[in-house]
Amino acid sequence: MFVAGCCLILLGVVGVRYAPAIVRAQASEGMTPVEDDQLEETDRIRVTKGTSVVFLVVGVVLVGYASGVV
């Protein structure tokens, strides 16, 4: 569980840091899941960062659990 937690922490940090680049890359490749004029790029970035924060929190909990802290 420790390794899985560390991987989730890494994915979370990278996702928060590179969220704008991830959203731009998805748009340029046509990978946006919903083509809607109401969803702006800032909304997509916010959702990407939020998902990354969830990964980060779950990773921290897993590392804490594996090391006996939690």
Protein backbone atom coordinates (compact mmCIF):
# COMPACT_ATOMS: atom_id res chain seq x y z
CA MET A 1 0.00 0.00 0.00
CA PHE A 2 2.94 2.29 0.62
CA VAL A 3 4.04 2.21 -3.02
CA ALA A 4 0.48 2.74 -4.27
CA GLY A 5 0.13 5.71 -1.92
CA CYS A 6 3.38 7.21 -3.16
CA CYS A 7 2.23 6.80 -6.77
CA LEU A 8 -1.07 8.53 -6.00
CA ILE A 9 0.77 11.37 -4.26
CA LEU A 10 3.02 11.78 -7.29
CA LEU A 11 0.05 11.77 -9.68
CA GLY A 12 -1.75 14.29 -7.49
CA VAL A 13 1.16 16.71 -7.35
CA VAL A 14 1.81 16.45 -11.08
CA GLY A 15 -1.89 16.89 -11.84
CA VAL A 16 -2.18 20.04 -9.76
CA ARG A 17 1.01 21.49 -11.21
CA TYR A 18 0.31 20.71 -14.86
CA ALA A 19 -3.50 20.98 -14.96
CA PRO A 20 -3.53 23.88 -17.48
CA ALA A 21 -1.17 22.01 -19.81
CA ILE A 22 -3.22 18.81 -19.48
CA VAL A 23 -6.43 20.64 -20.41
CA ARG A 24 -4.77 22.37 -23.39
CA ALA A 25 -3.35 19.05 -24.62
CA GLN A 26 -6.75 17.39 -24.34
CA ALA A 27 -8.36 20.20 -26.32
CA SER A 28 -5.72 20.15 -29.05
CA GLU A 29 -6.05 16.38 -29.46
CA GLY A 30 -9.85 16.49 -29.45
CA MET A 31 -10.04 14.50 -26.23
CA THR A 32 -12.43 16.76 -24.36
CA PRO A 33 -15.18 14.48 -23.07
CA VAL A 34 -17.93 17.06 -23.43
CA GLU A 35 -18.07 19.64 -26.19
CA ASP A 36 -20.17 22.29 -24.53
CA ASP A 37 -19.92 26.04 -24.88
CA GLN A 38 -20.92 26.48 -21.25
CA LEU A 39 -17.80 24.70 -19.98
CA GLU A 40 -14.89 27.09 -20.14
CA GLU A 41 -11.23 26.21 -19.96
CA THR A 42 -11.01 27.53 -16.40
CA ASP A 43 -13.76 25.13 -15.34
CA ARG A 44 -11.91 22.21 -16.90
CA ILE A 45 -8.69 23.25 -15.16
CA ARG A 46 -10.53 23.52 -11.83
CA VAL A 47 -11.97 20.01 -12.22
CA THR A 48 -8.58 18.59 -13.19
CA LYS A 49 -6.97 20.18 -10.14
CA GLY A 50 -9.78 18.93 -7.90
CA THR A 51 -9.35 15.38 -9.15
CA SER A 52 -5.62 15.67 -8.54
CA VAL A 53 -6.20 16.85 -4.98
CA VAL A 54 -8.38 13.79 -4.34
CA PHE A 55 -5.56 11.57 -5.61
CA LEU A 56 -3.14 13.42 -3.34
CA VAL A 57 -5.30 13.05 -0.23
CA VAL A 58 -5.97 9.36 -0.86
CA GLY A 59 -2.24 8.82 -1.40
CA VAL A 60 -1.35 10.56 1.87
CA VAL A 61 -3.92 8.46 3.74
CA LEU A 62 -2.57 5.25 2.20
CA VAL A 63 1.02 6.14 3.07
CA GLY A 64 -0.04 7.04 6.60
CA TYR A 65 -1.97 3.79 6.95
CA ALA A 66 0.90 1.71 5.57
CA SER A 67 3.39 3.32 7.92
CA GLY A 68 1.12 2.87 10.95
CA VAL A 69 0.37 6.54 11.58
CA VAL A 70 -3.35 6.35 10.82
